[in-house]
Protein backbone atom coordinates (compact mmCIF):
# COMPACT_ATOMS: atom_id res chain seq x y z
CA MET A 1 19.21 -72.08 -85.89
CA ALA A 2 17.15 -70.76 -82.91
CA GLY A 3 15.30 -67.40 -83.65
CA GLY A 4 16.37 -67.39 -86.90
CA ALA A 5 19.59 -65.98 -86.58
CA ARG A 6 21.86 -64.52 -89.34
CA GLU A 7 25.10 -66.62 -89.10
CA VAL A 8 28.51 -65.21 -89.78
CA LEU A 9 31.34 -67.51 -90.50
CA THR A 10 34.55 -66.02 -89.13
CA LEU A 11 38.02 -66.54 -90.91
CA GLN A 12 41.31 -65.92 -88.97
CA LEU A 13 44.21 -65.96 -91.25
CA GLY A 14 47.55 -65.11 -89.83
CA HIS A 15 49.51 -65.34 -86.27
CA PHE A 16 48.69 -61.77 -85.07
CA ALA A 17 44.96 -62.52 -86.25
CA GLY A 18 45.13 -65.71 -83.86
CA PHE A 19 46.12 -63.23 -81.09
CA VAL A 20 43.09 -61.07 -81.84
CA GLY A 21 40.91 -63.93 -82.33
CA ALA A 22 41.83 -65.63 -79.12
CA HIS A 23 40.86 -62.60 -77.31
CA TRP A 24 37.69 -62.25 -79.14
CA TRP A 25 36.43 -65.87 -78.82
CA ASN A 26 37.51 -65.52 -75.03
CA GLN A 27 35.17 -62.20 -74.75
CA GLN A 28 32.46 -64.32 -76.27
CA ASP A 29 32.74 -66.96 -74.13
CA ALA A 30 32.75 -64.95 -70.88
CA ALA A 31 29.61 -63.21 -72.24
CA LEU A 32 27.84 -66.43 -72.56
CA CYS A 33 28.82 -67.42 -69.07
CA ALA A 34 27.66 -64.28 -67.59
CA PRO A 35 25.38 -64.95 -64.56
CA THR A 36 21.76 -64.71 -65.02
CA ASP A 37 21.54 -62.02 -62.08
CA ALA A 38 23.78 -59.47 -63.87
CA LYS A 39 22.78 -56.18 -64.02
CA GLU A 40 22.07 -56.36 -68.21
CA PRO A 41 19.46 -58.43 -69.52
CA PRO A 42 20.54 -61.45 -71.43
CA GLY A 43 19.71 -61.64 -75.10
CA GLU A 44 21.13 -58.35 -76.73
CA LEU A 45 23.28 -60.02 -78.53
CA CYS A 46 22.55 -63.41 -80.11
CA PRO A 47 25.35 -65.75 -79.75
CA ASP A 48 24.03 -68.04 -82.71
CA VAL A 49 25.35 -65.44 -85.29
CA LEU A 50 28.97 -66.64 -84.54
CA TYR A 51 28.50 -69.98 -82.63
CA ARG A 52 27.03 -73.36 -83.88
CA ALA A 53 25.39 -76.08 -81.75
CA GLY A 54 26.66 -79.61 -82.41
CA ARG A 55 27.29 -82.91 -80.90
CA THR A 56 30.48 -85.14 -80.31
CA PRO A 57 30.44 -88.63 -81.33
CA HIS A 58 30.14 -89.45 -77.56
CA GLY A 59 26.71 -87.52 -77.50
CA GLN A 60 27.96 -84.55 -75.57
CA GLU A 61 25.96 -81.12 -76.89
CA THR A 62 28.68 -78.71 -77.87
CA TYR A 63 28.57 -74.87 -78.59
CA THR A 64 31.62 -73.85 -80.65
CA PRO A 65 32.84 -70.77 -82.77
CA ARG A 66 31.56 -71.11 -86.59
CA LEU A 67 35.54 -70.60 -87.48
CA ILE A 68 38.21 -71.48 -89.78
CA LEU A 69 41.69 -70.48 -89.08
CA MET A 70 44.63 -70.92 -90.73
CA ASP A 71 48.33 -70.55 -89.35
CA LEU A 72 51.75 -72.01 -89.81
CA LYS A 73 53.50 -75.17 -88.47
CA GLY A 74 54.82 -74.89 -84.88
CA SER A 75 51.84 -71.91 -83.98
CA LEU A 76 49.78 -74.27 -82.07
CA SER A 77 51.92 -75.06 -79.30
CA SER A 78 50.08 -77.86 -77.10
CA LEU A 79 46.93 -77.19 -79.02
CA LYS A 80 45.79 -80.41 -80.94
CA GLN A 81 44.98 -79.19 -84.61
CA GLU A 82 41.56 -81.38 -84.41
CA GLY A 83 41.17 -79.64 -80.86
CA GLY A 84 40.32 -81.60 -77.49
CA LEU A 85 36.54 -81.50 -77.90
CA TYR A 86 36.15 -84.42 -80.19
CA GLY A 87 38.76 -86.74 -79.43
CA ASP A 88 41.49 -87.85 -81.51
CA ARG A 89 40.60 -88.50 -85.00
CA GLN A 90 43.65 -90.39 -85.88
CA LEU A 91 43.72 -92.62 -82.47
CA ASP A 92 39.76 -93.09 -83.07
CA ALA A 93 40.14 -94.10 -86.67
CA ALA A 94 40.03 -97.88 -87.62
CA ILE A 95 43.25 -99.14 -88.90
CA ALA A 96 43.05 -101.58 -91.88
CA TRP A 97 46.42 -102.41 -92.19
CA GLN A 98 47.72 -105.70 -90.42
CA GLY A 99 51.29 -105.47 -90.99
CA ASN A 100 53.58 -103.90 -88.65
CA LEU A 101 53.40 -100.34 -87.57
CA THR A 102 56.30 -97.95 -86.88
CA THR A 103 54.82 -94.85 -84.86
CA HIS A 104 57.09 -91.59 -84.92
CA LYS A 105 55.88 -88.98 -82.08
CA GLU A 106 56.76 -85.48 -82.28
CA GLU A 107 58.04 -83.65 -79.03
CA LEU A 108 54.83 -82.27 -77.48
CA TYR A 109 54.78 -78.68 -76.42
CA PRO A 110 54.36 -78.30 -72.50
CA GLN A 111 51.05 -77.07 -71.72
CA ASN A 112 50.70 -73.47 -70.65
CA PRO A 113 50.20 -73.38 -66.84
CA TYR A 114 46.77 -71.17 -67.24
CA LEU A 115 45.37 -73.73 -69.39
CA GLN A 116 46.09 -76.38 -67.09
CA ASP A 117 44.47 -74.42 -64.23
CA LEU A 118 41.44 -73.58 -66.39
CA LEU A 119 40.70 -76.88 -67.52
CA SER A 120 41.15 -78.22 -63.71
CA ALA A 121 38.84 -75.59 -62.52
CA GLU A 122 36.36 -76.09 -65.18
CA GLY A 123 36.13 -79.71 -64.20
CA VAL A 124 35.35 -81.02 -67.83
CA LEU A 125 37.63 -84.09 -68.14
CA SER A 126 35.67 -86.92 -68.10
CA SER A 127 36.70 -90.64 -67.28
CA ASP A 128 37.08 -91.52 -71.07
CA GLY A 129 39.52 -88.71 -71.50
CA ILE A 130 37.20 -86.40 -73.73
CA TRP A 131 36.94 -82.88 -72.52
CA ARG A 132 33.26 -81.88 -71.98
CA VAL A 133 32.26 -78.25 -72.26
CA LYS A 134 29.53 -76.29 -70.72
CA SER A 135 26.35 -77.27 -72.72
CA ILE A 136 24.20 -74.09 -73.95
CA PRO A 137 21.50 -75.60 -76.08
CA ASN A 138 21.08 -73.56 -79.58
CA GLY A 139 22.39 -70.54 -77.81
CA LYS A 140 19.08 -69.69 -75.82
CA GLY A 141 20.81 -68.65 -72.53
CA PRO A 142 23.96 -68.98 -70.29
CA PRO A 143 24.77 -72.32 -68.91
CA PRO A 144 23.41 -73.39 -65.56
CA LEU A 145 25.35 -71.92 -62.71
CA THR A 146 26.24 -74.44 -59.81
CA ALA A 147 26.59 -73.27 -56.10
CA ALA A 148 29.90 -74.72 -56.02
CA ILE A 149 32.71 -72.06 -55.76
CA ALA A 150 34.99 -72.24 -58.32
CA PRO A 151 38.75 -72.29 -57.56
CA LYS A 152 40.70 -69.20 -58.11
CA LEU A 153 42.45 -69.17 -61.67
CA LEU A 154 45.78 -68.52 -62.52
CA ILE A 155 46.41 -65.08 -64.14
CA PRO A 156 48.66 -65.81 -67.18
CA THR A 157 51.67 -63.59 -67.15
CA GLU A 158 53.11 -62.26 -70.23
CA SER A 159 55.99 -64.49 -70.14
CA SER A 160 54.17 -67.68 -70.47
CA ILE A 161 52.52 -66.16 -73.70
CA ARG A 162 54.19 -67.39 -76.47
CA VAL A 163 51.59 -67.97 -78.95
CA TRP A 164 47.75 -67.29 -79.18
CA SER A 165 46.67 -70.87 -78.01
CA ASP A 166 48.47 -70.47 -74.96
CA PHE A 167 45.35 -68.35 -73.75
CA LEU A 168 42.67 -69.25 -75.96
CA ARG A 169 39.91 -70.94 -73.28
CA VAL A 170 37.55 -71.71 -76.01
CA HIS A 171 36.85 -75.10 -77.52
CA LEU A 172 37.18 -75.39 -81.31
CA HIS A 173 35.72 -77.73 -83.77
CA PRO A 174 37.81 -80.25 -85.53
CA ARG A 175 37.20 -78.49 -88.89
CA SER A 176 38.22 -75.03 -87.51
CA ILE A 177 42.04 -75.26 -87.70
CA CYS A 178 43.70 -75.66 -91.09
CA MET A 179 47.69 -75.79 -90.73
CA ILE A 180 49.87 -74.81 -93.53
CA GLN A 181 52.81 -77.21 -93.09
CA LYS A 182 54.97 -75.85 -95.94
CA TYR A 183 56.10 -72.79 -93.60
CA ASN A 184 57.25 -72.56 -90.10
CA HIS A 185 56.15 -70.03 -87.32
CA ASP A 186 59.46 -70.12 -85.52
CA GLY A 187 62.94 -69.92 -86.83
CA GLU A 188 64.19 -67.65 -89.69
CA ALA A 189 63.98 -69.95 -92.48
CA GLY A 190 60.63 -71.47 -94.22
CA ARG A 191 59.01 -68.28 -93.11
CA LEU A 192 55.89 -66.71 -94.97
CA GLU A 193 57.13 -63.29 -95.49
CA ALA A 194 55.82 -62.26 -99.06
CA PHE A 195 52.22 -61.45 -100.52
CA GLY A 196 53.18 -63.64 -103.35
CA GLN A 197 53.73 -66.75 -100.93
CA GLY A 198 50.40 -66.36 -99.79
CA GLU A 199 48.81 -66.21 -102.68
CA SER A 200 50.45 -69.30 -104.09
CA ILE A 201 49.17 -71.14 -100.84
CA LEU A 202 45.65 -71.04 -102.22
CA LYS A 203 46.60 -71.59 -105.57
CA GLU A 204 47.83 -75.47 -104.52
CA PRO A 205 44.83 -77.74 -104.65
CA ARG A 206 45.73 -79.41 -101.27
CA TYR A 207 45.32 -76.13 -99.32
CA LEU A 208 42.36 -74.50 -101.47
CA GLU A 209 40.27 -78.08 -101.51
CA GLU A 210 40.94 -78.10 -97.45
CA LEU A 211 39.58 -74.53 -97.47
CA GLU A 212 36.85 -75.06 -99.68
CA ASP A 213 35.53 -78.35 -97.65
CA ARG A 214 35.90 -76.52 -94.42
CA LEU A 215 33.58 -73.67 -96.00
CA HIS A 216 31.22 -76.03 -97.36
CA PHE A 217 30.95 -77.85 -94.08
CA TYR A 218 29.89 -74.53 -92.06
CA VAL A 219 27.79 -72.68 -94.76
CA GLU A 220 25.86 -75.73 -95.56
CA GLU A 221 24.50 -75.86 -92.15
CA CYS A 222 23.39 -72.14 -92.18
CA ASP A 223 19.85 -71.46 -92.43
CA TYR A 224 20.38 -67.80 -92.64
CA LEU A 225 24.11 -67.00 -93.73
CA GLN A 226 24.50 -62.96 -93.53
CA GLY A 227 28.25 -63.46 -94.63
CA PHE A 228 31.56 -63.76 -93.33
CA GLN A 229 34.27 -61.66 -91.14
CA ILE A 230 37.80 -62.00 -91.95
CA LEU A 231 40.58 -61.49 -89.40
CA CYS A 232 43.58 -61.34 -91.47
CA ASP A 233 47.30 -60.28 -91.00
CA LEU A 234 48.58 -57.23 -93.25
CA HIS A 235 52.39 -57.13 -92.73
CA ASP A 236 53.33 -60.46 -93.86
CA GLY A 237 52.49 -63.31 -96.24
CA PHE A 238 48.96 -63.99 -95.03
CA SER A 239 47.90 -60.89 -97.02
CA GLY A 240 48.29 -62.81 -99.71
CA VAL A 241 46.27 -65.55 -98.12
CA GLY A 242 43.29 -63.08 -97.58
CA ALA A 243 43.71 -61.57 -101.07
CA LYS A 244 42.79 -65.37 -102.26
CA ALA A 245 40.36 -66.04 -99.86
CA THR A 246 38.14 -62.98 -100.20
CA GLU A 247 38.28 -63.44 -104.28
CA LEU A 248 36.95 -66.85 -103.54
CA LEU A 249 34.23 -65.98 -101.25
CA GLN A 250 33.08 -63.46 -103.46
CA ASP A 251 33.12 -65.59 -106.59
CA GLU A 252 31.32 -68.69 -104.58
CA TYR A 253 29.21 -66.76 -102.14
CA SER A 254 27.91 -63.68 -104.19
CA GLY A 255 25.66 -61.44 -102.37
CA ARG A 256 26.75 -62.10 -99.05
CA GLY A 257 28.77 -59.69 -96.89
CA ILE A 258 32.23 -59.90 -96.80
CA ILE A 259 33.91 -57.68 -93.92
CA THR A 260 37.76 -57.79 -93.72
CA TRP A 261 39.50 -56.48 -90.88
CA GLY A 262 43.29 -55.97 -91.68
CA LEU A 263 45.41 -56.81 -88.67
CA LEU A 264 48.84 -55.06 -87.85
CA PRO A 265 50.96 -55.56 -85.02
CA GLY A 266 52.19 -52.85 -82.75
CA PRO A 267 54.87 -50.19 -84.13
CA TYR A 268 58.17 -51.64 -85.71
CA SER A 269 61.76 -50.31 -85.88
CA LEU A 270 63.95 -48.88 -88.36
CA GLY A 271 66.48 -51.13 -87.61
CA GLU A 272 64.95 -53.85 -89.78
CA PRO A 273 64.92 -52.36 -93.26
CA GLN A 274 64.08 -55.62 -95.01
CA LYS A 275 61.30 -56.41 -92.57
CA ASN A 276 59.86 -52.86 -92.75
CA ILE A 277 59.82 -52.89 -96.70
CA TYR A 278 58.29 -56.39 -96.87
CA ARG A 279 55.54 -55.04 -94.48
CA LEU A 280 55.10 -51.87 -96.85
CA LEU A 281 54.84 -54.30 -99.64
CA ASN A 282 52.39 -56.68 -98.09
CA THR A 283 49.95 -54.12 -96.76
CA ALA A 284 49.96 -52.28 -100.20
CA PHE A 285 49.23 -55.34 -101.88
CA GLY A 286 46.79 -56.57 -99.11
CA LEU A 287 44.74 -53.54 -99.28
CA ALA A 288 44.57 -53.10 -102.86
CA HIS A 289 43.25 -56.78 -103.53
CA MET A 290 41.20 -57.28 -100.32
CA SER A 291 39.11 -53.87 -101.26
CA ALA A 292 38.57 -55.30 -104.64
CA HIS A 293 36.81 -58.28 -103.15
CA SER A 294 35.55 -57.32 -100.12
CA SER A 295 32.37 -55.30 -99.06
CA LEU A 296 34.23 -53.51 -96.61
CA VAL A 297 37.93 -53.24 -95.56
CA CYS A 298 39.27 -52.08 -92.11
CA PRO A 299 42.85 -51.66 -91.10
CA LEU A 300 43.23 -52.30 -87.26
CA SER A 301 46.57 -51.51 -85.66
CA LEU A 302 47.78 -49.55 -82.19
CA GLY A 303 50.62 -48.20 -84.73
CA GLY A 304 50.78 -44.80 -85.88
CA SER A 305 51.21 -45.27 -89.58
CA LEU A 306 50.99 -47.65 -92.43
CA GLY A 307 53.81 -46.46 -94.29
CA LEU A 308 57.82 -46.61 -94.09
CA ARG A 309 57.91 -43.87 -91.62
CA PRO A 310 57.28 -45.19 -88.20
CA GLU A 311 55.34 -43.19 -85.58
CA PRO A 312 54.41 -43.62 -82.10
CA PRO A 313 51.68 -46.10 -80.79
CA VAL A 314 48.25 -44.38 -80.11
CA THR A 315 47.81 -43.89 -76.51
CA PHE A 316 44.44 -44.34 -74.08
CA PRO A 317 44.20 -42.42 -70.94
CA HIS A 318 43.11 -45.48 -68.69
CA LEU A 319 45.28 -48.10 -70.22
CA HIS A 320 48.73 -48.92 -69.68
CA TYR A 321 50.14 -51.49 -72.41
CA ASP A 322 53.23 -52.60 -74.05
CA ALA A 323 52.63 -51.87 -77.72
CA THR A 324 55.54 -54.54 -78.50
CA LEU A 325 53.58 -57.32 -77.22
CA PRO A 326 50.69 -58.82 -79.36
CA PHE A 327 48.91 -60.36 -76.19
CA HIS A 328 48.81 -56.49 -75.01
CA CYS A 329 48.00 -54.73 -78.53
CA ALA A 330 45.64 -58.16 -79.75
CA ALA A 331 43.22 -57.66 -76.41
CA ILE A 332 42.67 -53.88 -77.24
CA LEU A 333 41.97 -54.42 -80.67
CA ALA A 334 39.73 -57.27 -79.97
CA THR A 335 37.59 -55.04 -77.61
CA ALA A 336 37.26 -52.52 -80.38
CA LEU A 337 36.31 -55.23 -82.42
CA ASP A 338 33.70 -56.62 -80.54
CA THR A 339 31.93 -53.32 -80.12
CA VAL A 340 32.21 -52.20 -83.60
CA THR A 341 30.51 -55.63 -84.86
CA VAL A 342 27.57 -55.50 -82.59
CA PRO A 343 25.26 -53.95 -85.62
CA TYR A 344 25.01 -57.50 -87.14
CA ARG A 345 25.04 -59.56 -84.16
CA LEU A 346 22.11 -57.88 -82.70
CA ARG A 347 19.16 -60.24 -81.52
CA SER A 348 16.54 -57.55 -82.04
CA SER A 349 16.71 -55.28 -85.08
CA PRO A 350 20.05 -56.18 -86.28
CA VAL A 351 21.84 -54.52 -89.13
CA SER A 352 23.18 -57.01 -91.80
CA MET A 353 26.89 -56.88 -92.70
CA VAL A 354 25.94 -56.20 -96.30
CA HIS A 355 23.31 -53.11 -95.26
CA LEU A 356 26.29 -51.87 -92.96
CA ALA A 357 28.82 -52.27 -95.52
CA ASP A 358 26.33 -50.40 -98.08
CA MET A 359 25.76 -47.44 -95.51
CA LEU A 360 29.78 -46.84 -94.94
CA ASN A 361 30.99 -47.82 -98.56
CA PHE A 362 29.22 -45.51 -101.08
CA SER A 363 30.87 -44.03 -104.08
CA GLY A 364 33.76 -46.66 -103.91
CA LYS A 365 34.55 -46.04 -100.28
CA LYS A 366 35.48 -49.77 -99.48
CA VAL A 367 38.00 -48.65 -96.88
CA VAL A 368 36.93 -47.57 -93.29
CA ILE A 369 38.94 -46.63 -90.27
CA ALA A 370 38.11 -47.56 -86.44
CA ALA A 371 38.32 -45.60 -83.88
CA ALA A 372 37.39 -46.23 -79.88
CA THR A 373 37.24 -44.82 -76.31
CA VAL A 374 38.47 -47.56 -74.14
CA PRO A 375 37.22 -47.49 -71.57
CA PHE A 376 34.40 -44.90 -72.14
CA PRO A 377 35.04 -42.41 -69.19
CA LEU A 378 32.17 -42.26 -66.92
CA VAL A 379 32.20 -41.43 -63.25
CA PRO A 380 29.88 -43.05 -61.09
CA GLY A 381 26.48 -41.24 -60.86
CA GLN A 382 27.28 -39.31 -63.62
CA SER A 383 24.84 -39.19 -66.87
CA LEU A 384 25.54 -39.89 -70.49
CA PRO A 385 24.90 -36.29 -71.48
CA ASP A 386 27.31 -35.14 -68.76
CA ALA A 387 30.12 -37.55 -70.05
CA LEU A 388 29.60 -36.84 -73.72
CA VAL A 389 29.80 -33.04 -73.13
CA GLN A 390 32.85 -33.84 -70.97
CA LEU A 391 34.15 -35.94 -74.01
CA GLY A 392 34.24 -33.40 -76.58
CA GLY A 393 34.81 -33.85 -80.14
CA ALA A 394 36.23 -36.70 -82.67
CA THR A 395 39.49 -35.94 -81.06
CA ALA A 396 38.76 -37.39 -77.84
CA TRP A 397 38.50 -40.66 -79.87
CA THR A 398 41.77 -42.92 -80.00
CA PRO A 399 42.23 -43.75 -83.68
CA LEU A 400 42.43 -47.79 -84.34
CA SER A 401 43.66 -47.83 -87.96
CA ALA A 402 47.20 -46.38 -88.22
CA CYS A 403 46.11 -43.34 -90.04
CA GLY A 404 47.43 -40.41 -88.03
CA ASP A 405 45.66 -37.61 -86.38
CA PRO A 406 42.22 -37.50 -87.82
CA SER A 407 41.47 -33.91 -86.42
CA GLY A 408 40.52 -31.74 -89.31
CA THR A 409 39.41 -34.48 -91.69
CA ARG A 410 35.51 -34.84 -92.74
CA CYS A 411 33.59 -37.93 -91.69
CA PHE A 412 31.09 -39.18 -94.98
CA ALA A 413 29.50 -41.63 -92.89
CA GLN A 414 29.90 -43.79 -89.55
CA SER A 415 28.40 -46.61 -87.29
CA VAL A 416 28.68 -45.85 -83.54
CA VAL A 417 28.41 -48.27 -80.83
CA LEU A 418 28.12 -47.14 -77.18
CA ARG A 419 27.75 -50.21 -74.71
CA GLY A 420 28.38 -51.21 -71.07
CA LEU A 421 25.93 -48.06 -69.41
CA ASP A 422 23.61 -48.56 -67.19
CA ARG A 423 19.95 -47.54 -68.23
CA ALA A 424 19.67 -45.02 -65.13
CA CYS A 425 22.52 -42.93 -66.37
CA HIS A 426 21.07 -42.75 -70.27
CA THR A 427 19.53 -39.32 -69.55
CA SER A 428 20.13 -36.25 -67.46
CA GLN A 429 18.43 -36.51 -63.98
CA LEU A 430 18.55 -32.81 -63.29
CA ALA A 431 15.82 -31.45 -61.07
CA PRO A 432 12.78 -29.92 -63.01
CA GLY A 433 13.78 -26.13 -63.41
CA THR A 434 17.31 -26.69 -63.61
CA PRO A 435 18.83 -24.80 -66.50
CA LEU A 436 20.10 -27.39 -68.95
CA PRO A 437 23.96 -27.49 -69.50
CA SER A 438 23.20 -28.68 -73.43
CA PRO A 439 20.73 -30.03 -75.61
CA LEU A 440 21.79 -33.52 -74.68
CA HIS A 441 20.49 -32.76 -71.32
CA ALA A 442 16.79 -32.44 -72.68
CA CYS A 443 16.72 -36.03 -74.72
CA SER A 444 14.63 -38.53 -73.17
CA THR A 445 16.08 -41.66 -74.18
CA GLY A 446 19.78 -42.86 -74.19
CA GLU A 447 19.54 -43.58 -78.13
CA ASP A 448 18.70 -39.80 -78.48
CA VAL A 449 21.30 -38.59 -76.48
CA LEU A 450 23.84 -40.38 -78.59
CA ALA A 451 22.27 -39.52 -81.75
CA GLN A 452 22.07 -35.79 -81.00
CA TYR A 453 25.88 -35.76 -79.97
CA LEU A 454 26.77 -37.53 -83.18
CA GLN A 455 24.85 -34.75 -84.98
CA GLN A 456 26.46 -32.11 -83.05
CA GLN A 457 30.01 -33.48 -83.95
CA GLN A 458 29.42 -34.53 -87.44
CA PRO A 459 26.36 -32.46 -89.00
CA ARG A 460 25.03 -33.71 -92.09
CA VAL A 461 26.82 -37.09 -91.71
CA ARG A 462 25.01 -40.38 -92.30
CA SER A 463 25.19 -41.84 -88.77
CA SER A 464 24.04 -45.49 -87.52
CA ALA A 465 24.00 -45.51 -83.63
CA HIS A 466 23.30 -48.25 -81.39
CA LEU A 467 23.34 -48.03 -77.37
CA LEU A 468 23.74 -51.31 -75.42
CA LEU A 469 23.57 -52.22 -71.80
CA ALA A 470 25.78 -55.17 -72.04
CA PRO A 471 29.60 -54.32 -71.22
CA CYS A 472 32.73 -55.58 -72.68
CA LYS A 473 34.00 -58.47 -70.49
CA VAL A 474 37.83 -58.36 -69.79
CA ALA A 475 38.35 -60.75 -67.03
CA PRO A 476 41.49 -63.00 -67.36
CA PRO A 477 43.25 -64.07 -69.45
CA TYR A 478 42.51 -60.64 -70.74
CA PRO A 479 45.80 -58.66 -69.66
CA CYS A 480 46.10 -56.24 -66.81
CA LEU A 481 46.07 -52.96 -68.76
CA PHE A 482 43.68 -50.89 -66.83
CA SER A 483 44.48 -47.73 -64.63
CA PRO A 484 44.05 -48.29 -60.84
CA SER A 485 41.40 -45.51 -60.62
CA LEU A 486 39.01 -48.01 -62.53
CA SER A 487 36.23 -49.66 -60.79
CA ARG A 488 35.39 -53.34 -61.03
CA HIS A 489 33.21 -52.01 -63.91
CA GLY A 490 35.38 -49.89 -65.67
CA LEU A 491 33.93 -46.61 -64.28
CA VAL A 492 36.50 -43.96 -63.35
CA LEU A 493 36.56 -43.41 -59.65
CA ASP A 494 37.14 -39.90 -58.04
CA GLY A 495 38.35 -41.19 -54.98
CA PRO A 496 41.40 -43.65 -54.07
CA PRO A 497 41.90 -46.89 -56.00
CA SER A 498 39.48 -49.60 -55.18
CA GLY A 499 42.28 -52.32 -55.52
CA ALA A 500 39.48 -54.40 -57.21
CA ALA A 501 40.41 -56.16 -60.61
CA VAL A 502 38.37 -54.86 -63.69
CA GLU A 503 36.03 -57.21 -64.91
CA SER A 504 34.08 -55.35 -67.27
CA ILE A 505 34.06 -52.08 -69.18
CA PRO A 506 32.00 -49.52 -71.18
CA VAL A 507 33.25 -48.97 -74.43
CA LEU A 508 32.53 -46.32 -77.36
CA GLY A 509 33.50 -47.66 -80.93
CA ALA A 510 32.97 -46.44 -84.38
CA LEU A 511 33.53 -47.24 -87.76
CA CYS A 512 34.00 -44.21 -90.21
CA SER A 513 34.41 -43.59 -93.87
CA SER A 514 36.88 -40.41 -93.45
CA SER A 515 38.51 -38.04 -95.77
CA THR A 516 41.64 -38.89 -93.95
CA LEU A 517 41.80 -42.33 -95.99
CA SER A 518 42.53 -40.06 -98.88
CA ARG A 519 45.95 -39.26 -97.26
CA THR A 520 46.69 -42.24 -95.47
CA LEU A 521 46.12 -44.45 -99.07
CA GLY A 522 48.01 -41.81 -101.06
CA ASP A 523 51.09 -41.91 -98.74
CA LEU A 524 51.08 -45.75 -98.88
CA ALA A 525 51.01 -45.46 -102.71
CA ARG A 526 53.70 -42.74 -102.81
CA ASP A 527 55.80 -45.06 -100.46
CA LEU A 528 55.40 -48.27 -102.99
CA SER A 529 55.98 -46.03 -106.17
CA LYS A 530 59.26 -45.01 -104.49
CA LEU A 531 60.68 -48.36 -103.92
CA ASP A 532 63.15 -49.90 -106.29
CA VAL A 533 61.26 -53.24 -106.18
CA ARG A 534 64.38 -55.06 -108.05
CA ARG A 535 66.27 -54.28 -105.12
CA TRP A 536 63.65 -56.92 -103.47
CA ALA A 537 64.02 -59.62 -105.52
CA SER A 538 63.16 -62.07 -102.91
CA PHE A 539 59.88 -60.57 -102.96
CA MET A 540 59.37 -60.74 -106.50
CA ASP A 541 60.49 -64.23 -106.76
CA ALA A 542 57.55 -65.30 -104.65
CA GLY A 543 55.10 -64.49 -107.75
CA VAL A 544 54.65 -60.72 -107.87
CA GLU A 545 55.42 -59.34 -111.18
CA GLN A 546 56.30 -55.60 -111.96
CA GLY A 547 52.51 -55.17 -113.44
CA ASP A 548 51.00 -56.34 -110.35
CA VAL A 549 53.05 -53.37 -108.57
CA GLU A 550 51.79 -51.19 -111.14
CA GLU A 551 48.13 -52.52 -110.49
CA ALA A 552 48.42 -52.11 -106.82
CA LEU A 553 49.40 -48.67 -107.19
CA GLN A 554 46.65 -47.62 -109.35
CA GLU A 555 44.16 -49.25 -107.02
CA LEU A 556 45.42 -47.41 -104.00
CA GLY A 557 45.22 -44.25 -105.97
CA SER A 558 41.89 -44.82 -107.14
CA LEU A 559 40.74 -45.70 -103.54
CA ALA A 560 42.59 -42.62 -102.22
CA GLN A 561 40.56 -40.42 -104.91
CA CYS A 562 37.08 -41.66 -103.63
CA TYR A 563 37.63 -39.65 -100.28
CA GLN A 564 38.86 -36.47 -101.56
CA GLY A 565 36.97 -33.17 -101.51
CA GLY A 566 33.01 -33.28 -100.92
CA ASP A 567 32.04 -35.95 -102.98
CA GLY A 568 30.07 -37.57 -99.92
CA LEU A 569 26.67 -36.84 -99.07
CA VAL A 570 24.79 -34.09 -100.40
CA ASP A 571 24.81 -31.27 -97.69
């Protein structure tokens, strides 16, 4: 592995996790393919942390995500389970049987027009029928660019997006996709609805051995594995899959970091009582179990509440999104995820997953919340000190963990990342002798500006801060969510709209161990305690017993107590 990268293996468990993951990998791919004359220097983030170099049986060099994803039958649309990169394993395999053969072919899904156009524009279909991807040897740099002008790509419409594979532009390794055939993605029957169903999947030798085999394949080729990041649906039966997966990882890979991102789609309706009850039960059981086996757990949602009482979705000053569309919600969450995970993906002086978790999870605080400013509001020509003074306190950040209004709560520890600002605006450019509007304007580096701002907003709080030049890439198939007042690089324009599509944005993101979790986890436990679980026999029939409910209640109550009072750092 080039440069001794500290590798991370990503697990995606569930269909909404697939949506977030597809946007996430598209953003990684866009960063890899950035032109060499971009303003930001290459190499701030090490792609080898997330990607692996390989070679197809045809000798083609590849660079694919180090990824295992699990989803249900019918969720792949036109994407092959083995991917399109290494050929069809079944067709390539030698057939020993010499008798008559009968072939049964399942009707293929029509390929999304966007993906057809994308593959055509890339020009990677060779004469032998194998898709060829751009080669990036050992992740040392972006692929060579040609002088040819690529044809303009179609932009996918919401109506054309059925599943996450409809807009994934990254080629996957044949060992990435693991399909759960016993449950259906579509239809009302055979759904993976309950925590117990998910747990039972990884109790079956077939699926357990398949997961272990894929884990061993990826882990054994790593030189410096730092840990696992898990994107897991919390609202359905995949919360049970995540619980068993984190337990397996903790048992087999002790000492490695396990950071779990518990994902929930947008707001829900009171008109679906059973779905809402299952959502509550799965979320409560998932958080209780995954926090026990992870280094860190962070719920991620644009909804306003984890409990039974629905709250309106969060809003962003410069974004216009449809909270009912997973395609929109997942894009915003992926952008936040691409920012807050920066510390353990840095090429220079990275913070390992274990150290990041240790900084945030002291005294049993293994659940954290996420918040972000998407995009970070910067006017052309404005300095970072000016922008932060204008931004104000923590209430200007948008919470992304369905924990309600964070105002008036205490932060015990935080990890903050600001990315996408040109170096020229990092510090104040006031003329000598000009009175300084704030202490931030006296700082000599952008890093000092950000650290001073955090110290002002949260005095005596343990903080880690990173400032990056590289922005978040939001080119298609990222949805068009941005206000017309933004420039091509996501800056807030004073004058008339530029009319140019937004291609990249600056983002401020944070992970925080916050006292708001005392209320959130406590409310979740109270909602659970008020349920007569005997009324929901189908949930209990899936393998959950009354004792399991009591254990989850106790675990949530213990977690909630960790965030009460002044039991954080010594002032």
